[in-house]
Amino acid sequence: MNDYVPRPREPYDALWVIKRDLENIIAKYTDRGDHETAAVYKEALARYNDD
């Protein structure tokens, strides 16, 4: 992906970064109409949201 996201200079929560990136990927595939691929990433995101 070539979207620039400014990164904070302070330490970050790696789990939050993973969730953010998965949500961005899901949004892009959904916008393209590829709901099958988006569903795969939604399953992965669900595993991280079970905390």
N, C-alpha and C. Protein backbone atom coordinates (compact mmCIF):
# COMPACT_ATOMS: atom_id res chain seq x y z
N MET A 1 0.83 -1.17 0.00
CA MET A 1 0.00 0.00 0.00
C MET A 1 0.88 1.24 0.00
N ASN A 2 0.43 2.23 -0.65
CA ASN A 2 1.22 3.43 -0.74
C ASN A 2 0.55 4.62 -0.06
N ASP A 3 -0.28 4.34 0.95
CA ASP A 3 -0.90 5.41 1.73
C ASP A 3 0.06 5.82 2.83
N TYR A 4 0.38 7.09 2.87
CA TYR A 4 1.29 7.58 3.90
C TYR A 4 0.49 7.87 5.17
N VAL A 5 0.93 7.28 6.25
CA VAL A 5 0.31 7.53 7.55
C VAL A 5 1.41 8.03 8.47
N PRO A 6 1.28 9.26 8.97
CA PRO A 6 2.32 9.75 9.87
C PRO A 6 2.39 8.90 11.13
N ARG A 7 3.56 8.53 11.51
CA ARG A 7 3.77 7.69 12.68
C ARG A 7 4.18 8.55 13.87
N PRO A 8 3.61 8.30 15.01
CA PRO A 8 4.01 9.06 16.20
C PRO A 8 5.42 8.68 16.62
N ARG A 9 6.11 9.61 17.23
CA ARG A 9 7.46 9.33 17.69
C ARG A 9 7.47 8.59 19.02
N GLU A 10 6.32 8.54 19.69
CA GLU A 10 6.23 7.83 20.96
C GLU A 10 5.97 6.35 20.70
N PRO A 11 6.21 5.50 21.68
CA PRO A 11 5.94 4.07 21.51
C PRO A 11 4.45 3.85 21.20
N TYR A 12 4.16 2.87 20.38
CA TYR A 12 2.78 2.62 19.99
C TYR A 12 2.38 1.21 20.38
N ASP A 13 1.10 1.01 20.42
CA ASP A 13 0.52 -0.29 20.73
C ASP A 13 0.45 -1.10 19.44
N ALA A 14 1.23 -2.16 19.35
CA ALA A 14 1.29 -2.96 18.12
C ALA A 14 -0.06 -3.56 17.77
N LEU A 15 -0.84 -3.95 18.77
CA LEU A 15 -2.15 -4.53 18.51
C LEU A 15 -3.07 -3.50 17.85
N TRP A 16 -2.99 -2.25 18.30
CA TRP A 16 -3.80 -1.19 17.70
C TRP A 16 -3.41 -0.99 16.24
N VAL A 17 -2.13 -1.06 15.95
CA VAL A 17 -1.65 -0.88 14.57
C VAL A 17 -2.17 -2.00 13.68
N ILE A 18 -2.14 -3.23 14.17
CA ILE A 18 -2.64 -4.36 13.39
C ILE A 18 -4.12 -4.19 13.09
N LYS A 19 -4.90 -3.82 14.11
CA LYS A 19 -6.34 -3.62 13.92
C LYS A 19 -6.60 -2.50 12.91
N ARG A 20 -5.87 -1.40 13.03
CA ARG A 20 -6.04 -0.27 12.11
C ARG A 20 -5.75 -0.70 10.68
N ASP A 21 -4.66 -1.42 10.50
CA ASP A 21 -4.28 -1.84 9.15
C ASP A 21 -5.30 -2.81 8.56
N LEU A 22 -5.79 -3.75 9.37
CA LEU A 22 -6.80 -4.68 8.89
C LEU A 22 -8.08 -3.95 8.51
N GLU A 23 -8.47 -2.97 9.30
CA GLU A 23 -9.67 -2.18 8.97
C GLU A 23 -9.49 -1.43 7.66
N ASN A 24 -8.29 -0.90 7.43
CA ASN A 24 -8.02 -0.20 6.17
C ASN A 24 -8.06 -1.15 4.98
N ILE A 25 -7.52 -2.34 5.15
CA ILE A 25 -7.53 -3.35 4.08
C ILE A 25 -8.97 -3.76 3.77
N ILE A 26 -9.77 -3.99 4.82
CA ILE A 26 -11.18 -4.38 4.63
C ILE A 26 -11.92 -3.29 3.87
N ALA A 27 -11.70 -2.04 4.25
CA ALA A 27 -12.38 -0.92 3.58
C ALA A 27 -12.01 -0.86 2.10
N LYS A 28 -10.75 -1.07 1.78
CA LYS A 28 -10.32 -1.00 0.37
C LYS A 28 -10.93 -2.12 -0.46
N TYR A 29 -10.93 -3.35 0.08
CA TYR A 29 -11.53 -4.45 -0.69
C TYR A 29 -13.03 -4.29 -0.81
N THR A 30 -13.68 -3.77 0.23
CA THR A 30 -15.12 -3.55 0.17
C THR A 30 -15.44 -2.49 -0.87
N ASP A 31 -14.65 -1.42 -0.91
CA ASP A 31 -14.86 -0.37 -1.91
C ASP A 31 -14.70 -0.89 -3.34
N ARG A 32 -13.81 -1.85 -3.50
CA ARG A 32 -13.59 -2.43 -4.84
C ARG A 32 -14.66 -3.46 -5.20
N GLY A 33 -15.48 -3.84 -4.22
CA GLY A 33 -16.52 -4.83 -4.47
C GLY A 33 -16.07 -6.26 -4.27
N ASP A 34 -14.90 -6.46 -3.73
CA ASP A 34 -14.37 -7.80 -3.49
C ASP A 34 -14.72 -8.22 -2.06
N HIS A 35 -15.96 -8.67 -1.88
CA HIS A 35 -16.46 -8.99 -0.55
C HIS A 35 -15.90 -10.31 -0.01
N GLU A 36 -15.50 -11.22 -0.90
CA GLU A 36 -14.92 -12.49 -0.46
C GLU A 36 -13.59 -12.25 0.25
N THR A 37 -12.73 -11.46 -0.36
CA THR A 37 -11.43 -11.16 0.23
C THR A 37 -11.61 -10.34 1.50
N ALA A 38 -12.55 -9.40 1.49
CA ALA A 38 -12.82 -8.59 2.68
C ALA A 38 -13.27 -9.49 3.83
N ALA A 39 -14.04 -10.52 3.53
CA ALA A 39 -14.52 -11.44 4.57
C ALA A 39 -13.36 -12.18 5.23
N VAL A 40 -12.35 -12.52 4.45
CA VAL A 40 -11.17 -13.20 5.01
C VAL A 40 -10.49 -12.29 6.03
N TYR A 41 -10.33 -11.02 5.66
CA TYR A 41 -9.68 -10.07 6.57
C TYR A 41 -10.58 -9.76 7.77
N LYS A 42 -11.90 -9.79 7.58
CA LYS A 42 -12.82 -9.57 8.70
C LYS A 42 -12.69 -10.70 9.73
N GLU A 43 -12.48 -11.92 9.25
CA GLU A 43 -12.26 -13.05 10.16
C GLU A 43 -10.98 -12.84 10.97
N ALA A 44 -9.94 -12.38 10.30
CA ALA A 44 -8.68 -12.12 11.00
C ALA A 44 -8.86 -11.02 12.03
N LEU A 45 -9.59 -9.97 11.66
CA LEU A 45 -9.83 -8.87 12.60
C LEU A 45 -10.65 -9.34 13.79
N ALA A 46 -11.58 -10.23 13.56
CA ALA A 46 -12.41 -10.76 14.64
C ALA A 46 -11.54 -11.47 15.68
N ARG A 47 -10.51 -12.14 15.23
CA ARG A 47 -9.59 -12.82 16.18
C ARG A 47 -8.90 -11.81 17.08
N TYR A 48 -8.53 -10.66 16.54
CA TYR A 48 -7.86 -9.64 17.34
C TYR A 48 -8.86 -8.89 18.24
N ASN A 49 -10.12 -8.82 17.85
CA ASN A 49 -11.12 -8.10 18.64
C ASN A 49 -11.68 -8.93 19.78
N ASP A 50 -11.31 -10.20 19.86
CA ASP A 50 -11.83 -11.06 20.92
C ASP A 50 -11.15 -10.83 22.26
N ASP A 51 -10.29 -9.83 22.32
CA ASP A 51 -9.54 -9.58 23.56
C ASP A 51 -10.45 -9.36 24.73
